[in-house]
Protein backbone atom coordinates (compact mmCIF):
# COMPACT_ATOMS: atom_id res chain seq x y z
CA MET A 1 -20.45 14.83 -14.71
CA ASN A 2 -22.68 14.11 -17.36
CA GLY A 3 -20.84 11.96 -19.66
CA THR A 4 -17.80 11.20 -17.35
CA PRO A 5 -16.81 7.17 -17.10
CA VAL A 6 -17.44 5.29 -13.48
CA MET A 7 -16.03 2.61 -12.91
CA LEU A 8 -16.50 1.07 -9.89
CA VAL A 9 -15.66 -3.16 -8.75
CA LEU A 10 -16.21 -4.62 -5.46
CA ARG A 11 -14.16 -7.83 -4.82
CA GLU A 12 -14.58 -10.03 -1.76
CA GLY A 13 -11.44 -10.37 -0.09
CA GLY A 14 -9.98 -12.43 2.16
CA GLU A 15 -11.45 -13.76 5.28
CA SER A 16 -14.90 -11.74 3.78
CA ALA A 17 -13.35 -8.37 4.01
CA PRO A 18 -14.93 -6.28 0.95
CA VAL A 19 -11.60 -4.93 -0.62
CA TRP A 20 -13.02 -2.52 -3.11
CA THR A 21 -11.69 0.09 -6.14
CA LEU A 22 -13.19 3.06 -6.88
CA SER A 23 -12.22 5.18 -10.13
CA VAL A 24 -14.41 8.71 -11.19
CA ARG A 25 -12.53 11.14 -13.48
CA GLY A 26 -14.68 14.68 -13.71
CA THR A 27 -13.72 18.27 -13.59
CA ALA A 28 -12.80 20.54 -10.47
CA ASP A 29 -12.27 24.09 -10.74
CA ARG A 30 -12.20 23.67 -13.85
CA ALA A 31 -9.51 21.28 -14.12
CA ARG A 32 -9.48 17.58 -15.29
CA VAL A 33 -9.27 15.22 -11.58
CA GLU A 34 -9.53 11.81 -10.73
CA LEU A 35 -10.59 10.38 -7.64
CA ARG A 36 -8.31 7.47 -6.74
CA THR A 37 -9.51 5.05 -4.00
CA ASP A 38 -9.79 2.06 -2.78
CA ARG A 39 -9.89 0.47 1.39
CA VAL A 40 -6.55 2.14 1.96
CA ARG A 41 -7.22 5.52 1.28
CA MET A 42 -8.63 8.52 -0.85
CA VAL A 43 -7.29 10.79 -3.66
CA VAL A 44 -8.30 13.50 -5.67
CA VAL A 45 -5.14 14.69 -8.05
CA PRO A 46 -5.22 15.90 -10.72
CA GLU A 47 -5.85 13.89 -14.08
CA THR A 48 -2.88 12.87 -15.59
CA SER A 49 -1.95 11.03 -19.28
CA GLY A 50 -0.95 7.77 -17.54
CA THR A 51 -4.17 6.98 -16.30
CA GLY A 52 -4.83 4.06 -18.35
CA LEU A 53 -1.67 2.64 -16.97
CA LEU A 54 -2.81 3.09 -13.83
CA ASP A 55 -6.01 0.90 -14.17
CA GLN A 56 -3.74 -1.27 -15.65
CA VAL A 57 -2.10 -1.19 -12.23
CA LEU A 58 -5.44 -1.54 -10.28
CA GLY A 59 -6.54 -3.61 -12.31
CA THR A 60 -2.92 -6.03 -11.64
CA ALA A 61 -3.68 -5.59 -8.25
CA ASN A 62 -7.36 -7.20 -8.69
CA ASP A 63 -6.34 -9.80 -10.66
CA LEU A 64 -3.63 -11.06 -7.44
CA GLU A 65 -6.00 -10.70 -5.05
CA GLU A 66 -8.68 -13.25 -6.67
CA ILE A 67 -5.03 -15.06 -6.97
CA GLN A 68 -4.43 -14.72 -2.84
CA GLY A 69 -8.39 -15.84 -2.68
CA ARG A 70 -7.78 -18.67 -4.71
CA LEU A 71 -4.59 -19.92 -2.87
CA ARG A 72 -6.44 -19.30 0.65
CA ARG A 73 -9.28 -21.69 -0.72
CA LEU A 74 -6.69 -24.13 -1.70
CA ALA A 75 -5.53 -23.88 1.84
CA ASP A 76 -8.70 -23.93 3.10
CA GLU A 77 -8.76 -27.81 1.72
CA VAL A 78 -5.56 -29.05 3.26
CA PRO A 79 -5.97 -30.69 5.92
CA ASP A 80 -4.90 -29.57 9.59
CA PRO A 81 -1.23 -30.31 10.51
CA SER A 82 -0.93 -31.96 13.69
CA ASP A 83 0.15 -29.79 17.11
CA ASP A 84 3.69 -32.19 16.81
CA MET A 85 4.35 -31.21 13.38
CA LEU A 86 3.23 -27.48 14.71
CA GLU A 87 5.49 -27.65 17.80
CA HIS A 88 8.74 -29.10 15.10
CA ARG A 89 8.62 -32.20 17.60
CA ILE A 90 8.33 -34.33 14.49
CA PRO A 91 8.96 -33.33 10.43
CA TYR A 92 6.55 -31.68 8.13
CA ASP A 93 4.58 -34.08 5.84
CA VAL A 94 4.43 -33.63 2.25
CA GLU A 95 0.73 -31.01 3.42
CA THR A 96 2.26 -29.01 5.75
CA ALA A 97 4.50 -28.03 3.54
CA LEU A 98 1.85 -27.45 1.23
CA LEU A 99 -0.18 -25.64 3.44
CA THR A 100 2.93 -23.09 5.19
CA THR A 101 3.82 -22.14 1.66
CA LEU A 102 0.63 -21.28 0.37
CA GLU A 103 -0.28 -19.40 2.96
CA CYS A 104 2.97 -17.93 2.81
CA VAL A 105 2.78 -16.95 -0.36
CA ALA A 106 -1.13 -15.74 -0.60
CA GLU A 107 -0.62 -13.49 2.82
CA ASP A 108 2.81 -12.71 2.69
CA ASP A 109 4.21 -12.46 -1.15
CA LEU A 110 0.86 -11.32 -3.15
CA GLY A 111 -0.75 -9.01 0.28
CA ALA A 112 2.63 -7.40 0.04
CA ALA A 113 2.42 -6.39 -3.59
CA ILE A 114 -0.79 -5.81 -3.95
CA GLU A 115 -0.58 -3.41 -1.80
CA LYS A 116 2.12 -1.90 -2.97
CA LEU A 117 0.49 -1.51 -6.03
CA ARG A 118 -2.12 0.35 -4.79
CA LEU A 119 -0.65 2.89 -3.00
CA ALA A 120 1.84 3.46 -5.62
CA VAL A 121 -1.29 4.21 -7.98
CA ALA A 122 -2.82 6.67 -5.19
CA ALA A 123 0.26 8.45 -4.67
CA THR A 124 0.35 11.85 -4.73
CA PRO A 125 3.06 14.51 -5.93
CA ALA A 126 3.35 16.01 -2.42
CA GLU A 127 3.61 12.46 -0.69
CA LEU A 128 5.96 11.28 -2.71
CA ARG A 129 8.46 14.71 -1.86
CA GLU A 130 7.78 14.24 1.92
CA GLU A 131 9.22 10.63 1.61
CA TRP A 132 12.15 11.41 -1.11
CA GLU A 133 12.90 14.50 1.83
CA LYS A 134 12.57 11.88 4.79
CA GLU A 135 14.89 9.39 2.63
CA GLU A 136 17.33 12.57 1.56
CA TRP A 137 17.46 13.57 5.70
CA GLU A 138 18.17 10.21 6.62
CA LYS A 139 21.58 10.21 4.91
CA THR A 140 22.62 13.05 6.13
CA ASP A 141 24.38 13.20 10.04
CA VAL A 142 22.88 10.95 12.80
CA ASP A 143 23.05 13.16 15.63
CA ALA A 144 21.48 16.28 13.45
CA PRO A 145 18.22 17.32 14.37
CA SER A 146 15.13 16.53 11.36
CA PRO A 147 13.74 19.38 9.91
CA ASP A 148 10.53 18.58 12.25
CA ASP A 149 12.71 19.42 15.68
CA TRP A 150 13.86 23.10 13.87
CA ASP A 151 12.20 26.28 15.37
CA GLY A 152 11.72 28.89 12.46
CA GLY A 153 13.96 27.07 10.54
CA THR A 154 17.38 26.79 12.71
CA ARG A 155 18.99 23.86 14.30
CA ASP A 156 18.71 25.42 18.09
CA GLY A 157 15.13 25.66 18.55
CA ASP A 158 15.11 29.06 19.86
CA GLY A 159 15.11 30.06 16.84
CA GLY A 160 18.55 31.25 17.08
CA ARG A 161 17.86 34.03 19.32
CA ASP A 162 20.77 32.59 21.79
CA GLY A 163 23.28 32.29 19.51
CA GLY A 164 25.39 29.93 21.32
CA GLU A 165 25.40 26.22 22.05
CA GLU A 166 22.50 24.46 23.07
């Protein structure tokens, strides 16, 4: 793999958990492939013409993660609220309202966005088809068995040998 571009980015995530992204391009069985991995999973996929776009999306996820870290550090600077405020016996003060907003944006909003971006970049055609099939199946009759429950492509579970109702 001489001359193959390799990008390794290590970033510290929240609560000192390492967050990492690794992208390697090379060849496997004479086909150009790309290895994409982060803390969620690792996949080897055929190299696509949209690789530049994928790198930009991963870069954006990393940027959002930096912002998430900044918001967490700001939240650490806010004084702890009183127990009365936390138990809703008295109204929040400005600092407590700010703290809850910082925590919500950092964890719920940005955390979800970062995860979705990374999962989208690492998605494989097989996973996308499986997800589509599941969604299509859920649109059908809710009383019908799922494809996972079928035996030999029939719905009665015995391969159609009894010819009758279950």
